[in-house]
Amino acid sequence: MPKKDCILNLPGYSIKRVRGENPVYIEVSYRWVVRCIHCGNKKLRKKDSFIRRIRHESIGLRRSYLCIKAHKYYCPACNRYFNQRFPGIGKHQRATESLRKQVFHYHSKGVSQKDLARDLKLGKSTVERWYHYGYELRYKKIATRSCPRILGLDEHSFNRKVGYATTFCDLAKHKIFDVVEGRSAKDLEGYLKTLEGRDKVLVVCIDLSSSYRLLIRRYFPNAKIVADRFHVIRLLNQMSLQTYQQIDPQIKYQRGLLAALRTNEANLTIKRLNKRASYLKQ
């Protein structure tokens, strides 16, 4: 793709001419091979031509239009007629997918319908319709993604009204995969059934509770269950504190000394090293 054509953000198009200031009219041509939309045949006959004017994403603060010459074709292989289709432009649409994504992006960032409609010369209903369209595409992308191979599960309590929620994490990429309301088997079974690629999950990391183990064995048959390091270390700290209190009941009031006893010797300051040494001599 030539450098000047990169500004279109649409592959397969070449800029022929640019005119106007606001809006900017960009005359483009389609350079890829046209195929029959019914059978995929490349040997086509041109029967007619017409100019399509398509709304495109803004260039800075200026609105832009694509002016492209389209053809009506006849396919001798399947004996059918059709109008030329273009990538990045939906059927019967007068705006590119790039402009729809732009509206969805700015509306998600908090720009109101009124401001978007005024700046882009659109109707409020059009802005709302495009936003719902973008949201549906985003939801389908999330709903059909494959389950991560290294999965982490943990429960969180927000408040009494909301209750508990279960967080699914992609531990290989250090990202949140999804958040599901509830923590019981009844709450999670419906979601787990819809996950794709469950048989490819290798490791599931959970806390020391046994509430998730039955669900994991049922829905992730090939996964190995491992304990979360955070919960293991927290349990070790709790057991260590109980042991300290059995030996010295007054140690729970000395937080600095407890920190010195739990910390690795290589990470202690001289002050805490001396404090720990004096306590152990007693």
C-alpha atoms as a PDB file:
ATOM      1  CA  MET A   1       0.000   0.000   0.000  1.00  0.00           C
ATOM      2  CA  PRO A   2       1.475   3.402  -0.957  1.00  0.00           C
ATOM      3  CA  LYS A   3       2.139   5.780   1.917  1.00  0.00           C
ATOM      4  CA  LYS A   4      -0.486   8.274   0.810  1.00  0.00           C
ATOM      5  CA  ASP A   5      -3.180   5.556   0.920  1.00  0.00           C
ATOM      6  CA  CYS A   6      -2.498   4.721   4.578  1.00  0.00           C
ATOM      7  CA  ILE A   7      -4.517   7.752   5.675  1.00  0.00           C
ATOM      8  CA  LEU A   8      -7.685   5.949   4.556  1.00  0.00           C
ATOM      9  CA  ASN A   9      -7.211   3.145   7.104  1.00  0.00           C
ATOM     10  CA  LEU A  10      -8.865   0.843   4.536  1.00  0.00           C
ATOM     11  CA  PRO A  11      -6.841  -1.824   2.672  1.00  0.00           C
ATOM     12  CA  GLY A  12      -7.345  -2.235  -1.055  1.00  0.00           C
ATOM     13  CA  TYR A  13      -8.134   1.405  -1.892  1.00  0.00           C
ATOM     14  CA  SER A  14      -6.049   4.019  -3.721  1.00  0.00           C
ATOM     15  CA  ILE A  15      -6.493   7.779  -3.508  1.00  0.00           C
ATOM     16  CA  LYS A  16      -7.020   9.457  -6.881  1.00  0.00           C
ATOM     17  CA  ARG A  17      -7.983  12.985  -5.890  1.00  0.00           C
ATOM     18  CA  VAL A  18      -8.785  15.066  -2.798  1.00  0.00           C
ATOM     19  CA  ARG A  19     -10.997  18.154  -2.883  1.00  0.00           C
ATOM     20  CA  GLY A  20     -12.844  20.329  -0.423  1.00  0.00           C
ATOM     21  CA  GLU A  21     -11.945  21.588   3.026  1.00  0.00           C
ATOM     22  CA  ASN A  22     -14.758  20.680   5.412  1.00  0.00           C
ATOM     23  CA  PRO A  23     -16.030  18.194   4.490  1.00  0.00           C
ATOM     24  CA  VAL A  24     -13.154  16.601   2.571  1.00  0.00           C
ATOM     25  CA  TYR A  25     -14.116  14.554  -0.490  1.00  0.00           C
ATOM     26  CA  ILE A  26     -11.645  11.778  -1.294  1.00  0.00           C
ATOM     27  CA  GLU A  27     -11.997  10.121  -4.682  1.00  0.00           C
ATOM     28  CA  VAL A  28     -10.714   6.554  -4.391  1.00  0.00           C
ATOM     29  CA  SER A  29     -10.498   3.459  -6.584  1.00  0.00           C
ATOM     30  CA  TYR A  30     -10.651  -0.188  -5.561  1.00  0.00           C
ATOM     31  CA  ARG A  31      -7.615  -2.121  -6.812  1.00  0.00           C
ATOM     32  CA  TRP A  32      -8.238  -5.670  -5.582  1.00  0.00           C
ATOM     33  CA  VAL A  33      -9.793  -8.422  -7.717  1.00  0.00           C
ATOM     34  CA  VAL A  34     -13.593  -8.454  -7.639  1.00  0.00           C
ATOM     35  CA  ARG A  35     -15.266 -11.840  -7.169  1.00  0.00           C
ATOM     36  CA  CYS A  36     -18.852 -12.969  -7.466  1.00  0.00           C
ATOM     37  CA  ILE A  37     -20.569 -12.656  -4.095  1.00  0.00           C
ATOM     38  CA  HIS A  38     -22.536 -15.855  -4.805  1.00  0.00           C
ATOM     39  CA  CYS A  39     -20.008 -18.335  -6.236  1.00  0.00           C
ATOM     40  CA  GLY A  40     -16.614 -16.583  -5.989  1.00  0.00           C
ATOM     41  CA  ASN A  41     -15.986 -16.505  -9.750  1.00  0.00           C
ATOM     42  CA  LYS A  42     -13.438 -13.939 -10.979  1.00  0.00           C
ATOM     43  CA  LYS A  43     -14.523 -13.793 -14.631  1.00  0.00           C
ATOM     44  CA  LEU A  44     -17.260 -11.170 -14.522  1.00  0.00           C
ATOM     45  CA  ARG A  45     -18.933  -8.793 -16.961  1.00  0.00           C
ATOM     46  CA  LYS A  46     -19.540  -5.147 -16.184  1.00  0.00           C
ATOM     47  CA  LYS A  47     -23.132  -4.150 -16.891  1.00  0.00           C
ATOM     48  CA  ASP A  48     -23.330  -0.686 -15.328  1.00  0.00           C
ATOM     49  CA  SER A  49     -21.432   1.781 -13.140  1.00  0.00           C
ATOM     50  CA  PHE A  50     -22.391   4.349 -10.526  1.00  0.00           C
ATOM     51  CA  ILE A  51     -20.715   6.590  -7.938  1.00  0.00           C
ATOM     52  CA  ARG A  52     -21.118   5.869  -4.227  1.00  0.00           C
ATOM     53  CA  ARG A  53     -20.503   8.610  -1.673  1.00  0.00           C
ATOM     54  CA  ILE A  54     -19.713   7.086   1.714  1.00  0.00           C
ATOM     55  CA  ARG A  55     -19.206   8.853   5.043  1.00  0.00           C
ATOM     56  CA  HIS A  56     -15.732   8.143   6.431  1.00  0.00           C
ATOM     57  CA  GLU A  57     -13.947   8.779   9.728  1.00  0.00           C
ATOM     58  CA  SER A  58     -12.918  12.338  10.528  1.00  0.00           C
ATOM     59  CA  ILE A  59      -9.516  13.679   9.514  1.00  0.00           C
ATOM     60  CA  GLY A  60      -8.642  15.840  12.487  1.00  0.00           C
ATOM     61  CA  LEU A  61     -11.697  18.040  13.003  1.00  0.00           C
ATOM     62  CA  ARG A  62     -12.849  17.764   9.401  1.00  0.00           C
ATOM     63  CA  ARG A  63     -15.532  15.395   8.169  1.00  0.00           C
ATOM     64  CA  SER A  64     -14.674  13.252   5.161  1.00  0.00           C
ATOM     65  CA  TYR A  65     -16.444  11.370   2.380  1.00  0.00           C
ATOM     66  CA  LEU A  66     -15.216   8.597   0.103  1.00  0.00           C
ATOM     67  CA  CYS A  67     -16.288   8.887  -3.536  1.00  0.00           C
ATOM     68  CA  ILE A  68     -15.849   5.502  -5.177  1.00  0.00           C
ATOM     69  CA  LYS A  69     -16.906   4.159  -8.544  1.00  0.00           C
ATOM     70  CA  ALA A  70     -18.859   0.911  -8.200  1.00  0.00           C
ATOM     71  CA  HIS A  71     -20.096  -1.484 -10.871  1.00  0.00           C
ATOM     72  CA  LYS A  72     -22.996  -3.787 -11.455  1.00  0.00           C
ATOM     73  CA  TYR A  73     -21.670  -7.203 -12.522  1.00  0.00           C
ATOM     74  CA  TYR A  74     -23.003 -10.268 -14.265  1.00  0.00           C
ATOM     75  CA  CYS A  75     -21.514 -13.661 -13.382  1.00  0.00           C
ATOM     76  CA  PRO A  76     -21.695 -16.159 -16.283  1.00  0.00           C
ATOM     77  CA  ALA A  77     -20.858 -19.041 -13.947  1.00  0.00           C
ATOM     78  CA  CYS A  78     -24.023 -18.732 -11.843  1.00  0.00           C
ATOM     79  CA  ASN A  79     -26.075 -16.448 -14.150  1.00  0.00           C
ATOM     80  CA  ARG A  80     -26.676 -13.872 -11.433  1.00  0.00           C
ATOM     81  CA  TYR A  81     -26.358 -10.102 -11.195  1.00  0.00           C
ATOM     82  CA  PHE A  82     -24.976  -8.210  -8.209  1.00  0.00           C
ATOM     83  CA  ASN A  83     -23.677  -4.807  -7.198  1.00  0.00           C
ATOM     84  CA  GLN A  84     -20.044  -4.570  -6.204  1.00  0.00           C
ATOM     85  CA  ARG A  85     -19.248  -4.964  -2.504  1.00  0.00           C
ATOM     86  CA  PHE A  86     -16.368  -3.204  -0.789  1.00  0.00           C
ATOM     87  CA  PRO A  87     -14.406  -4.276   2.315  1.00  0.00           C
ATOM     88  CA  GLY A  88     -14.921  -1.956   5.260  1.00  0.00           C
ATOM     89  CA  ILE A  89     -18.340  -0.857   3.966  1.00  0.00           C
ATOM     90  CA  GLY A  90     -21.438  -2.809   4.980  1.00  0.00           C
ATOM     91  CA  LYS A  91     -24.217  -3.809   2.618  1.00  0.00           C
ATOM     92  CA  HIS A  92     -26.634  -0.916   1.938  1.00  0.00           C
ATOM     93  CA  GLN A  93     -24.589   1.280   4.323  1.00  0.00           C
ATOM     94  CA  ARG A  94     -23.688   4.907   3.674  1.00  0.00           C
ATOM     95  CA  ALA A  95     -20.881   5.009   6.250  1.00  0.00           C
ATOM     96  CA  THR A  96     -17.679   3.023   6.656  1.00  0.00           C
ATOM     97  CA  GLU A  97     -16.993   0.723   9.591  1.00  0.00           C
ATOM     98  CA  SER A  98     -14.188   3.104  10.591  1.00  0.00           C
ATOM     99  CA  LEU A  99     -16.677   5.927  11.179  1.00  0.00           C
ATOM    100  CA  ARG A 100     -18.924   3.641  13.209  1.00  0.00           C
ATOM    101  CA  LYS A 101     -15.965   2.621  15.358  1.00  0.00           C
ATOM    102  CA  GLN A 102     -15.072   6.283  15.836  1.00  0.00           C
ATOM    103  CA  VAL A 103     -18.588   7.095  17.074  1.00  0.00           C
ATOM    104  CA  PHE A 104     -18.542   4.068  19.408  1.00  0.00           C
ATOM    105  CA  HIS A 105     -15.126   5.046  20.781  1.00  0.00           C
ATOM    106  CA  TYR A 106     -15.996   8.672  21.561  1.00  0.00           C
ATOM    107  CA  HIS A 107     -19.433   7.817  22.948  1.00  0.00           C
ATOM    108  CA  SER A 108     -17.822   5.212  25.243  1.00  0.00           C
ATOM    109  CA  LYS A 109     -15.381   7.891  26.435  1.00  0.00           C
ATOM    110  CA  GLY A 110     -18.282  10.073  27.578  1.00  0.00           C
ATOM    111  CA  VAL A 111     -18.979  12.345  24.597  1.00  0.00           C
ATOM    112  CA  SER A 112     -22.736  12.880  24.511  1.00  0.00           C
ATOM    113  CA  GLN A 113     -25.072  12.033  21.656  1.00  0.00           C
ATOM    114  CA  LYS A 114     -25.825  15.708  21.200  1.00  0.00           C
ATOM    115  CA  ASP A 115     -22.154  16.672  20.777  1.00  0.00           C
ATOM    116  CA  LEU A 116     -21.396  13.777  18.428  1.00  0.00           C
ATOM    117  CA  ALA A 117     -24.470  14.516  16.325  1.00  0.00           C
ATOM    118  CA  ARG A 118     -23.504  18.193  16.090  1.00  0.00           C
ATOM    119  CA  ASP A 119     -19.834  17.633  15.254  1.00  0.00           C
ATOM    120  CA  LEU A 120     -20.366  14.804  12.748  1.00  0.00           C
ATOM    121  CA  LYS A 121     -23.632  16.125  11.287  1.00  0.00           C
ATOM    122  CA  LEU A 122     -25.528  12.988  12.272  1.00  0.00           C
ATOM    123  CA  GLY A 123     -28.873  12.328  13.877  1.00  0.00           C
ATOM    124  CA  LYS A 124     -29.050  11.357  17.551  1.00  0.00           C
ATOM    125  CA  SER A 125     -30.856   8.149  16.634  1.00  0.00           C
ATOM    126  CA  THR A 126     -28.019   7.296  14.229  1.00  0.00           C
ATOM    127  CA  VAL A 127     -25.432   7.785  16.979  1.00  0.00           C
ATOM    128  CA  GLU A 128     -27.424   5.554  19.318  1.00  0.00           C
ATOM    129  CA  ARG A 129     -27.926   2.883  16.653  1.00  0.00           C
ATOM    130  CA  TRP A 130     -24.231   2.820  15.790  1.00  0.00           C
ATOM    131  CA  TYR A 131     -23.301   2.628  19.450  1.00  0.00           C
ATOM    132  CA  HIS A 132     -25.549  -0.397  19.983  1.00  0.00           C
ATOM    133  CA  TYR A 133     -24.079  -1.946  16.849  1.00  0.00           C
ATOM    134  CA  GLY A 134     -20.534  -1.484  18.173  1.00  0.00           C
ATOM    135  CA  TYR A 135     -21.530  -2.828  21.568  1.00  0.00           C
ATOM    136  CA  GLU A 136     -23.010  -5.964  19.993  1.00  0.00           C
ATOM    137  CA  LEU A 137     -19.815  -6.537  18.003  1.00  0.00           C
ATOM    138  CA  ARG A 138     -17.732  -6.111  21.155  1.00  0.00           C
ATOM    139  CA  TYR A 139     -19.976  -8.518  23.070  1.00  0.00           C
ATOM    140  CA  LYS A 140     -19.789 -11.169  20.322  1.00  0.00           C
ATOM    141  CA  LYS A 141     -16.008 -10.890  20.323  1.00  0.00           C
ATOM    142  CA  ILE A 142     -15.908 -11.407  24.085  1.00  0.00           C
ATOM    143  CA  ALA A 143     -18.494 -14.207  24.062  1.00  0.00           C
ATOM    144  CA  THR A 144     -16.709 -16.257  21.381  1.00  0.00           C
ATOM    145  CA  ARG A 145     -13.126 -15.920  22.642  1.00  0.00           C
ATOM    146  CA  SER A 146     -11.322 -19.052  23.746  1.00  0.00           C
ATOM    147  CA  CYS A 147     -10.709 -19.789  27.406  1.00  0.00           C
ATOM    148  CA  PRO A 148      -7.098 -19.120  28.545  1.00  0.00           C
ATOM    149  CA  ARG A 149      -4.882 -22.141  29.127  1.00  0.00           C
ATOM    150  CA  ILE A 150      -3.735 -20.925  32.546  1.00  0.00           C
ATOM    151  CA  LEU A 151      -6.842 -19.789  34.395  1.00  0.00           C
ATOM    152  CA  GLY A 152      -7.182 -18.182  37.804  1.00  0.00           C
ATOM    153  CA  LEU A 153     -10.396 -18.092  39.865  1.00  0.00           C
ATOM    154  CA  ASP A 154     -11.074 -15.953  42.898  1.00  0.00           C
ATOM    155  CA  GLU A 155     -14.143 -14.584  44.654  1.00  0.00           C
ATOM    156  CA  HIS A 156     -14.703 -11.014  45.798  1.00  0.00           C
ATOM    157  CA  SER A 157     -17.300  -9.410  48.031  1.00  0.00           C
ATOM    158  CA  PHE A 158     -18.242  -5.835  47.110  1.00  0.00           C
ATOM    159  CA  ASN A 159     -21.089  -5.002  49.495  1.00  0.00           C
ATOM    160  CA  ARG A 160     -24.228  -6.573  50.928  1.00  0.00           C
ATOM    161  CA  LYS A 161     -26.454  -5.429  48.076  1.00  0.00           C
ATOM    162  CA  VAL A 162     -24.225  -6.696  45.270  1.00  0.00           C
ATOM    163  CA  GLY A 163     -22.922  -9.760  47.089  1.00  0.00           C
ATOM    164  CA  TYR A 164     -20.138 -11.935  45.719  1.00  0.00           C
ATOM    165  CA  ALA A 165     -18.603 -12.042  42.261  1.00  0.00           C
ATOM    166  CA  THR A 166     -16.147 -14.516  40.747  1.00  0.00           C
ATOM    167  CA  THR A 167     -13.186 -13.202  38.758  1.00  0.00           C
ATOM    168  CA  PHE A 168     -11.644 -15.263  35.956  1.00  0.00           C
ATOM    169  CA  CYS A 169      -8.053 -14.245  35.154  1.00  0.00           C
ATOM    170  CA  ASP A 170      -5.674 -15.085  32.329  1.00  0.00           C
ATOM    171  CA  LEU A 171      -2.569 -15.711  34.418  1.00  0.00           C
ATOM    172  CA  ALA A 172      -0.300 -16.111  31.387  1.00  0.00           C
ATOM    173  CA  LYS A 173      -1.077 -12.570  30.180  1.00  0.00           C
ATOM    174  CA  HIS A 174      -1.769 -11.081  33.642  1.00  0.00           C
ATOM    175  CA  LYS A 175      -5.205  -9.834  32.538  1.00  0.00           C
ATOM    176  CA  ILE A 176      -8.777 -10.192  33.771  1.00  0.00           C
ATOM    177  CA  PHE A 177     -10.665 -12.573  31.474  1.00  0.00           C
ATOM    178  CA  ASP A 178     -14.190 -12.054  32.848  1.00  0.00           C
ATOM    179  CA  VAL A 179     -16.203 -11.268  35.977  1.00  0.00           C
ATOM    180  CA  VAL A 180     -19.312 -13.327  36.799  1.00  0.00           C
ATOM    181  CA  GLU A 181     -21.907 -12.470  39.415  1.00  0.00           C
ATOM    182  CA  GLY A 182     -22.151 -15.024  42.229  1.00  0.00           C
ATOM    183  CA  ARG A 183     -19.799 -17.685  43.558  1.00  0.00           C
ATOM    184  CA  SER A 184     -21.911 -20.820  44.004  1.00  0.00           C
ATOM    185  CA  ALA A 185     -22.092 -23.724  41.570  1.00  0.00           C
ATOM    186  CA  LYS A 186     -25.617 -22.694  40.587  1.00  0.00           C
ATOM    187  CA  ASP A 187     -24.422 -19.178  39.682  1.00  0.00           C
ATOM    188  CA  LEU A 188     -21.403 -20.312  37.651  1.00  0.00           C
ATOM    189  CA  GLU A 189     -22.654 -23.400  35.806  1.00  0.00           C
ATOM    190  CA  GLY A 190     -24.547 -21.428  33.151  1.00  0.00           C
ATOM    191  CA  TYR A 191     -21.461 -19.338  32.368  1.00  0.00           C
ATOM    192  CA  LEU A 192     -19.022 -22.257  32.358  1.00  0.00           C
ATOM    193  CA  LYS A 193     -21.146 -24.167  29.832  1.00  0.00           C
ATOM    194  CA  THR A 194     -20.751 -21.337  27.305  1.00  0.00           C
ATOM    195  CA  LEU A 195     -16.942 -21.144  27.532  1.00  0.00           C
ATOM    196  CA  GLU A 196     -15.111 -22.301  24.414  1.00  0.00           C
ATOM    197  CA  GLY A 197     -11.885 -24.292  24.626  1.00  0.00           C
ATOM    198  CA  ARG A 198     -12.479 -25.647  28.135  1.00  0.00           C
ATOM    199  CA  ASP A 199     -10.754 -28.912  27.226  1.00  0.00           C
ATOM    200  CA  LYS A 200      -7.562 -26.981  26.362  1.00  0.00           C
ATOM    201  CA  VAL A 201      -7.162 -25.439  29.820  1.00  0.00           C
ATOM    202  CA  LEU A 202      -3.987 -26.840  31.402  1.00  0.00           C
ATOM    203  CA  VAL A 203      -3.899 -25.216  34.853  1.00  0.00           C
ATOM    204  CA  VAL A 204      -6.586 -23.710  37.083  1.00  0.00           C
ATOM    205  CA  CYS A 205      -5.335 -21.718  40.058  1.00  0.00           C
ATOM    206  CA  ILE A 206      -7.743 -21.334  43.005  1.00  0.00           C
ATOM    207  CA  ASP A 207      -7.679 -20.604  46.711  1.00  0.00           C
ATOM    208  CA  LEU A 208      -7.573 -23.340  49.352  1.00  0.00           C
ATOM    209  CA  SER A 209     -11.360 -23.560  49.539  1.00  0.00           C
ATOM    210  CA  SER A 210     -12.998 -26.716  48.179  1.00  0.00           C
ATOM    211  CA  SER A 211     -16.013 -24.896  46.683  1.00  0.00           C
ATOM    212  CA  TYR A 212     -14.516 -24.641  43.171  1.00  0.00           C
ATOM    213  CA  ARG A 213     -12.864 -28.058  42.951  1.00  0.00           C
ATOM    214  CA  LEU A 214     -15.965 -29.996  41.852  1.00  0.00           C
ATOM    215  CA  LEU A 215     -16.798 -27.411  39.178  1.00  0.00           C
ATOM    216  CA  ILE A 216     -13.247 -27.467  37.830  1.00  0.00           C
ATOM    217  CA  ARG A 217     -13.169 -31.264  37.569  1.00  0.00           C
ATOM    218  CA  ARG A 218     -16.489 -31.217  35.719  1.00  0.00           C
ATOM    219  CA  TYR A 219     -15.925 -28.362  33.258  1.00  0.00           C
ATOM    220  CA  PHE A 220     -12.108 -28.433  32.910  1.00  0.00           C
ATOM    221  CA  PRO A 221     -11.372 -32.176  32.692  1.00  0.00           C
ATOM    222  CA  ASN A 222      -7.772 -31.811  31.491  1.00  0.00           C
ATOM    223  CA  ALA A 223      -6.760 -29.054  33.905  1.00  0.00           C
ATOM    224  CA  LYS A 224      -4.470 -29.438  36.873  1.00  0.00           C
ATOM    225  CA  ILE A 225      -5.707 -27.741  40.053  1.00  0.00           C
ATOM    226  CA  VAL A 226      -3.070 -25.720  41.902  1.00  0.00           C
ATOM    227  CA  ALA A 227      -3.310 -23.503  44.969  1.00  0.00           C
ATOM    228  CA  ASP A 228      -2.916 -19.750  44.695  1.00  0.00           C
ATOM    229  CA  ARG A 229       0.408 -18.559  46.121  1.00  0.00           C
ATOM    230  CA  PHE A 230      -1.213 -15.582  47.832  1.00  0.00           C
ATOM    231  CA  HIS A 231      -3.632 -17.745  49.812  1.00  0.00           C
ATOM    232  CA  VAL A 232      -0.925 -20.286  50.683  1.00  0.00           C
ATOM    233  CA  ILE A 233       1.375 -17.570  52.057  1.00  0.00           C
ATOM    234  CA  ARG A 234      -1.507 -15.993  53.969  1.00  0.00           C
ATOM    235  CA  LEU A 235      -2.351 -19.353  55.561  1.00  0.00           C
ATOM    236  CA  LEU A 236       1.309 -19.870  56.491  1.00  0.00           C
ATOM    237  CA  ASN A 237       1.383 -16.430  58.123  1.00  0.00           C
ATOM    238  CA  GLN A 238      -1.755 -17.229  60.111  1.00  0.00           C
ATOM    239  CA  MET A 239      -0.351 -20.554  61.317  1.00  0.00           C
ATOM    240  CA  SER A 240       2.987 -18.923  62.176  1.00  0.00           C
ATOM    241  CA  LEU A 241       1.215 -16.230  64.191  1.00  0.00           C
ATOM    242  CA  GLN A 242      -0.731 -18.871  66.118  1.00  0.00           C
ATOM    243  CA  THR A 243       2.516 -20.709  66.876  1.00  0.00           C
ATOM    244  CA  TYR A 244       4.174 -17.482  68.089  1.00  0.00           C
ATOM    245  CA  GLN A 245       1.218 -16.762  70.368  1.00  0.00           C
ATOM    246  CA  GLN A 246       1.362 -20.255  71.867  1.00  0.00           C
ATOM    247  CA  ILE A 247       5.033 -19.739  72.712  1.00  0.00           C
ATOM    248  CA  ASP A 248       4.705 -16.093  73.819  1.00  0.00           C
ATOM    249  CA  PRO A 249       1.122 -14.780  74.349  1.00  0.00           C
ATOM    250  CA  GLN A 250       2.391 -11.159  74.527  1.00  0.00           C
ATOM    251  CA  ILE A 251       4.045 -11.175  71.102  1.00  0.00           C
ATOM    252  CA  LYS A 252       0.829 -10.283  69.273  1.00  0.00           C
ATOM    253  CA  TYR A 253       1.144  -6.735  70.659  1.00  0.00           C
ATOM    254  CA  GLN A 254       4.668  -6.284  69.207  1.00  0.00           C
ATOM    255  CA  ARG A 255       4.082  -5.787  65.502  1.00  0.00           C
ATOM    256  CA  GLY A 256       7.645  -4.729  64.736  1.00  0.00           C
ATOM    257  CA  LEU A 257       9.018  -7.904  66.299  1.00  0.00           C
ATOM    258  CA  LEU A 258       6.501 -10.038  64.395  1.00  0.00           C
ATOM    259  CA  ALA A 259       7.609  -8.459  61.133  1.00  0.00           C
ATOM    260  CA  ALA A 260      11.249  -9.134  62.024  1.00  0.00           C
ATOM    261  CA  LEU A 261      10.517 -12.800  62.743  1.00  0.00           C
ATOM    262  CA  ARG A 262       8.559 -13.316  59.501  1.00  0.00           C
ATOM    263  CA  THR A 263      10.944 -11.472  57.166  1.00  0.00           C
ATOM    264  CA  ASN A 264      13.873 -13.139  55.431  1.00  0.00           C
ATOM    265  CA  GLU A 265      17.141 -12.366  57.198  1.00  0.00           C
ATOM    266  CA  ALA A 266      18.666 -10.979  53.989  1.00  0.00           C
ATOM    267  CA  ASN A 267      15.901  -8.354  53.782  1.00  0.00           C
ATOM    268  CA  LEU A 268      16.102  -7.134  57.397  1.00  0.00           C
ATOM    269  CA  THR A 269      17.583  -3.809  58.424  1.00  0.00           C
ATOM    270  CA  ILE A 270      20.291  -3.651  61.097  1.00  0.00           C
ATOM    271  CA  LYS A 271      17.776  -2.310  63.609  1.00  0.00           C
ATOM    272  CA  ARG A 272      15.388  -5.214  63.109  1.00  0.00           C
ATOM    273  CA  LEU A 273      18.241  -7.739  63.076  1.00  0.00           C
ATOM    274  CA  ASN A 274      19.351  -6.516  66.493  1.00  0.00           C
ATOM    275  CA  LYS A 275      15.748  -6.535  67.729  1.00  0.00           C
ATOM    276  CA  ARG A 276      15.236 -10.121  66.614  1.00  0.00           C
ATOM    277  CA  ALA A 277      18.574 -11.255  68.060  1.00  0.00           C
ATOM    278  CA  SER A 278      17.840  -9.694  71.464  1.00  0.00           C
ATOM    279  CA  TYR A 279      14.406 -11.362  71.569  1.00  0.00           C
ATOM    280  CA  LEU A 280      15.763 -14.813  70.702  1.00  0.00           C
ATOM    281  CA  LYS A 281      18.379 -14.548  73.481  1.00  0.00           C
ATOM    282  CA  GLN A 282      15.648 -14.244  76.112  1.00  0.00           C
END
